[in-house]
Amino acid sequence: MRIELFGIARARAGRETIDVEAGSLGEAIRALARACPGVVPEVVEDGRLTDSYLASLNGDRFVKDPELRLAKGDTLLILGAQAGG
């Protein structure tokens, strides 16, 4: 699955996207932290997104449940909670 990063999360990670192996939202967030240690602790802390960040599944809906199952080909967007309208 692919994770796309925006704003400060992108700057902290040092890249726009990362491909990870993950079957759930929680696994994806932990994989992001392992691959991009610069996101810890501002974006990811204790294996979860901090309150300042949101995850959007395929750009369709915001998701929080770490047990949420992800499908092959899904894209997770990570953006600041203050972003948007």
N, C-alpha and C. Protein backbone atom coordinates (compact mmCIF):
# COMPACT_ATOMS: atom_id res chain seq x y z
N MET A 1 0.84 -1.17 0.00
CA MET A 1 0.00 0.00 0.00
C MET A 1 0.88 1.23 0.00
N ARG A 2 0.32 2.31 -0.44
CA ARG A 2 1.06 3.57 -0.54
C ARG A 2 0.56 4.55 0.51
N ILE A 3 1.50 5.26 1.12
CA ILE A 3 1.19 6.36 2.03
C ILE A 3 1.67 7.65 1.36
N GLU A 4 0.77 8.62 1.24
CA GLU A 4 1.12 9.94 0.71
C GLU A 4 1.12 10.91 1.88
N LEU A 5 2.17 11.71 1.95
CA LEU A 5 2.35 12.65 3.06
C LEU A 5 2.21 14.08 2.57
N PHE A 6 1.60 14.92 3.39
CA PHE A 6 1.38 16.32 3.05
C PHE A 6 1.87 17.23 4.16
N GLY A 7 2.25 18.45 3.81
CA GLY A 7 2.61 19.47 4.79
C GLY A 7 3.80 19.08 5.65
N ILE A 8 3.68 19.32 6.95
CA ILE A 8 4.76 19.05 7.90
C ILE A 8 5.12 17.57 7.90
N ALA A 9 4.13 16.69 7.76
CA ALA A 9 4.42 15.26 7.73
C ALA A 9 5.38 14.93 6.59
N ARG A 10 5.18 15.54 5.44
CA ARG A 10 6.07 15.33 4.29
C ARG A 10 7.47 15.86 4.59
N ALA A 11 7.53 17.04 5.18
CA ALA A 11 8.83 17.62 5.52
C ALA A 11 9.58 16.75 6.53
N ARG A 12 8.88 16.26 7.54
CA ARG A 12 9.51 15.41 8.56
C ARG A 12 9.97 14.08 7.98
N ALA A 13 9.20 13.52 7.07
CA ALA A 13 9.54 12.23 6.46
C ALA A 13 10.66 12.37 5.44
N GLY A 14 10.76 13.55 4.83
CA GLY A 14 11.77 13.76 3.80
C GLY A 14 11.39 13.16 2.45
N ARG A 15 10.11 12.87 2.29
CA ARG A 15 9.63 12.33 1.01
C ARG A 15 8.12 12.54 0.90
N GLU A 16 7.62 12.43 -0.32
CA GLU A 16 6.20 12.63 -0.59
C GLU A 16 5.39 11.36 -0.38
N THR A 17 5.96 10.22 -0.76
CA THR A 17 5.24 8.95 -0.67
C THR A 17 6.16 7.86 -0.16
N ILE A 18 5.53 6.82 0.35
CA ILE A 18 6.26 5.62 0.77
C ILE A 18 5.35 4.42 0.58
N ASP A 19 5.90 3.35 0.08
CA ASP A 19 5.15 2.10 -0.06
C ASP A 19 5.51 1.20 1.11
N VAL A 20 4.49 0.65 1.77
CA VAL A 20 4.71 -0.22 2.93
C VAL A 20 3.86 -1.47 2.80
N GLU A 21 4.25 -2.50 3.52
CA GLU A 21 3.46 -3.72 3.64
C GLU A 21 2.64 -3.57 4.92
N ALA A 22 1.32 -3.55 4.80
CA ALA A 22 0.46 -3.39 5.97
C ALA A 22 -0.92 -3.94 5.68
N GLY A 23 -1.48 -4.63 6.66
CA GLY A 23 -2.82 -5.17 6.53
C GLY A 23 -3.86 -4.36 7.27
N SER A 24 -3.39 -3.43 8.12
CA SER A 24 -4.31 -2.60 8.89
C SER A 24 -3.77 -1.17 8.98
N LEU A 25 -4.63 -0.26 9.39
CA LEU A 25 -4.21 1.12 9.56
C LEU A 25 -3.08 1.21 10.57
N GLY A 26 -3.20 0.53 11.69
CA GLY A 26 -2.16 0.56 12.71
C GLY A 26 -0.82 0.07 12.18
N GLU A 27 -0.84 -1.02 11.42
CA GLU A 27 0.39 -1.54 10.84
C GLU A 27 1.01 -0.52 9.88
N ALA A 28 0.19 0.15 9.11
CA ALA A 28 0.68 1.15 8.16
C ALA A 28 1.35 2.31 8.88
N ILE A 29 0.74 2.78 9.95
CA ILE A 29 1.30 3.91 10.71
C ILE A 29 2.62 3.50 11.36
N ARG A 30 2.68 2.29 11.91
CA ARG A 30 3.93 1.82 12.52
C ARG A 30 5.01 1.63 11.46
N ALA A 31 4.65 1.16 10.27
CA ALA A 31 5.61 1.01 9.18
C ALA A 31 6.14 2.37 8.74
N LEU A 32 5.28 3.35 8.70
CA LEU A 32 5.70 4.71 8.37
C LEU A 32 6.74 5.20 9.36
N ALA A 33 6.49 5.00 10.64
CA ALA A 33 7.42 5.45 11.68
C ALA A 33 8.77 4.75 11.57
N ARG A 34 8.75 3.46 11.25
CA ARG A 34 10.01 2.72 11.10
C ARG A 34 10.80 3.21 9.88
N ALA A 35 10.11 3.44 8.78
CA ALA A 35 10.77 3.83 7.53
C ALA A 35 11.21 5.29 7.53
N CYS A 36 10.49 6.14 8.27
CA CYS A 36 10.76 7.58 8.29
C CYS A 36 10.82 8.06 9.73
N PRO A 37 11.92 7.81 10.43
CA PRO A 37 11.99 8.16 11.85
C PRO A 37 11.77 9.64 12.14
N GLY A 38 11.93 10.50 11.14
CA GLY A 38 11.72 11.92 11.34
C GLY A 38 10.28 12.29 11.68
N VAL A 39 9.33 11.39 11.44
CA VAL A 39 7.93 11.68 11.76
C VAL A 39 7.62 11.45 13.25
N VAL A 40 8.55 10.83 13.96
CA VAL A 40 8.37 10.55 15.39
C VAL A 40 9.03 11.66 16.18
N PRO A 41 8.41 12.25 17.17
CA PRO A 41 7.09 12.00 17.73
C PRO A 41 6.02 12.99 17.29
N GLU A 42 6.37 13.94 16.39
CA GLU A 42 5.38 14.97 16.04
C GLU A 42 4.18 14.42 15.28
N VAL A 43 4.42 13.52 14.33
CA VAL A 43 3.35 12.99 13.50
C VAL A 43 2.85 11.65 14.04
N VAL A 44 3.78 10.77 14.40
CA VAL A 44 3.46 9.44 14.93
C VAL A 44 4.08 9.30 16.32
N GLU A 45 3.25 8.89 17.26
CA GLU A 45 3.75 8.65 18.62
C GLU A 45 3.08 7.39 19.16
N ASP A 46 3.88 6.50 19.71
CA ASP A 46 3.37 5.23 20.24
C ASP A 46 2.57 4.45 19.20
N GLY A 47 3.03 4.50 17.94
CA GLY A 47 2.39 3.72 16.89
C GLY A 47 1.08 4.26 16.37
N ARG A 48 0.73 5.48 16.75
CA ARG A 48 -0.51 6.12 16.29
C ARG A 48 -0.23 7.53 15.80
N LEU A 49 -1.11 8.04 14.94
CA LEU A 49 -1.00 9.44 14.55
C LEU A 49 -1.32 10.31 15.76
N THR A 50 -0.60 11.39 15.92
CA THR A 50 -0.90 12.33 17.00
C THR A 50 -2.21 13.05 16.66
N ASP A 51 -2.76 13.77 17.62
CA ASP A 51 -4.03 14.47 17.43
C ASP A 51 -3.94 15.56 16.36
N SER A 52 -2.74 15.96 15.99
CA SER A 52 -2.56 17.02 15.00
C SER A 52 -2.63 16.51 13.56
N TYR A 53 -2.78 15.19 13.39
CA TYR A 53 -2.76 14.61 12.05
C TYR A 53 -3.94 13.68 11.82
N LEU A 54 -4.36 13.61 10.56
CA LEU A 54 -5.48 12.77 10.14
C LEU A 54 -5.03 11.83 9.03
N ALA A 55 -5.72 10.71 8.93
CA ALA A 55 -5.49 9.77 7.85
C ALA A 55 -6.76 9.67 7.02
N SER A 56 -6.61 9.75 5.71
CA SER A 56 -7.73 9.60 4.79
C SER A 56 -7.47 8.37 3.93
N LEU A 57 -8.43 7.47 3.89
CA LEU A 57 -8.29 6.25 3.10
C LEU A 57 -8.76 6.52 1.68
N ASN A 58 -7.84 6.43 0.74
CA ASN A 58 -8.12 6.63 -0.69
C ASN A 58 -8.73 8.00 -0.99
N GLY A 59 -8.57 8.96 -0.09
CA GLY A 59 -9.13 10.29 -0.29
C GLY A 59 -10.63 10.33 -0.17
N ASP A 60 -11.25 9.23 0.30
CA ASP A 60 -12.71 9.13 0.38
C ASP A 60 -13.26 9.43 1.77
N ARG A 61 -12.50 9.01 2.81
CA ARG A 61 -13.02 9.18 4.17
C ARG A 61 -11.86 9.18 5.15
N PHE A 62 -12.07 9.87 6.25
CA PHE A 62 -11.08 9.90 7.31
C PHE A 62 -11.24 8.66 8.17
N VAL A 63 -10.10 8.10 8.58
CA VAL A 63 -10.11 6.85 9.35
C VAL A 63 -9.22 7.00 10.58
N LYS A 64 -9.60 6.29 11.66
CA LYS A 64 -8.85 6.34 12.91
C LYS A 64 -8.58 4.97 13.51
N ASP A 65 -9.46 4.03 13.27
CA ASP A 65 -9.39 2.73 13.91
C ASP A 65 -8.13 1.97 13.48
N PRO A 66 -7.20 1.72 14.41
CA PRO A 66 -5.97 1.03 14.03
C PRO A 66 -6.21 -0.39 13.52
N GLU A 67 -7.36 -0.97 13.82
CA GLU A 67 -7.69 -2.33 13.36
C GLU A 67 -8.33 -2.34 11.97
N LEU A 68 -8.61 -1.16 11.41
CA LEU A 68 -9.23 -1.07 10.09
C LEU A 68 -8.39 -1.82 9.06
N ARG A 69 -9.00 -2.77 8.38
CA ARG A 69 -8.30 -3.58 7.37
C ARG A 69 -8.08 -2.75 6.11
N LEU A 70 -6.91 -2.90 5.55
CA LEU A 70 -6.55 -2.22 4.32
C LEU A 70 -6.42 -3.25 3.21
N ALA A 71 -6.79 -2.84 2.00
CA ALA A 71 -6.71 -3.73 0.84
C ALA A 71 -5.50 -3.38 -0.01
N LYS A 72 -5.03 -4.35 -0.74
CA LYS A 72 -3.94 -4.11 -1.67
C LYS A 72 -4.37 -3.01 -2.64
N GLY A 73 -3.51 -2.06 -2.86
CA GLY A 73 -3.84 -0.95 -3.75
C GLY A 73 -4.41 0.27 -3.05
N ASP A 74 -4.71 0.16 -1.75
CA ASP A 74 -5.21 1.32 -1.01
C ASP A 74 -4.11 2.37 -0.89
N THR A 75 -4.55 3.62 -0.77
CA THR A 75 -3.64 4.73 -0.51
C THR A 75 -4.11 5.43 0.75
N LEU A 76 -3.17 5.70 1.63
CA LEU A 76 -3.45 6.40 2.87
C LEU A 76 -2.84 7.78 2.77
N LEU A 77 -3.65 8.82 2.93
CA LEU A 77 -3.17 10.19 2.90
C LEU A 77 -2.99 10.66 4.34
N ILE A 78 -1.83 11.22 4.66
CA ILE A 78 -1.56 11.75 6.00
C ILE A 78 -1.43 13.26 5.88
N LEU A 79 -2.30 13.98 6.58
CA LEU A 79 -2.29 15.43 6.51
C LEU A 79 -2.60 16.05 7.87
N GLY A 80 -2.23 17.32 8.01
CA GLY A 80 -2.47 18.03 9.24
C GLY A 80 -3.96 18.19 9.50
N ALA A 81 -4.36 18.06 10.76
CA ALA A 81 -5.77 18.16 11.13
C ALA A 81 -6.34 19.54 10.82
N GLN A 82 -5.51 20.55 10.76
CA GLN A 82 -5.98 21.90 10.47
C GLN A 82 -6.13 22.17 8.97
N ALA A 83 -5.70 21.22 8.12
CA ALA A 83 -5.78 21.39 6.67
C ALA A 83 -7.23 21.33 6.21
N GLY A 84 -7.49 21.92 5.09
CA GLY A 84 -8.84 21.85 4.51
C GLY A 84 -9.65 23.10 4.79
N GLY A 85 -10.94 22.99 4.55
CA GLY A 85 -11.81 24.15 4.66
C GLY A 85 -12.50 24.17 5.93
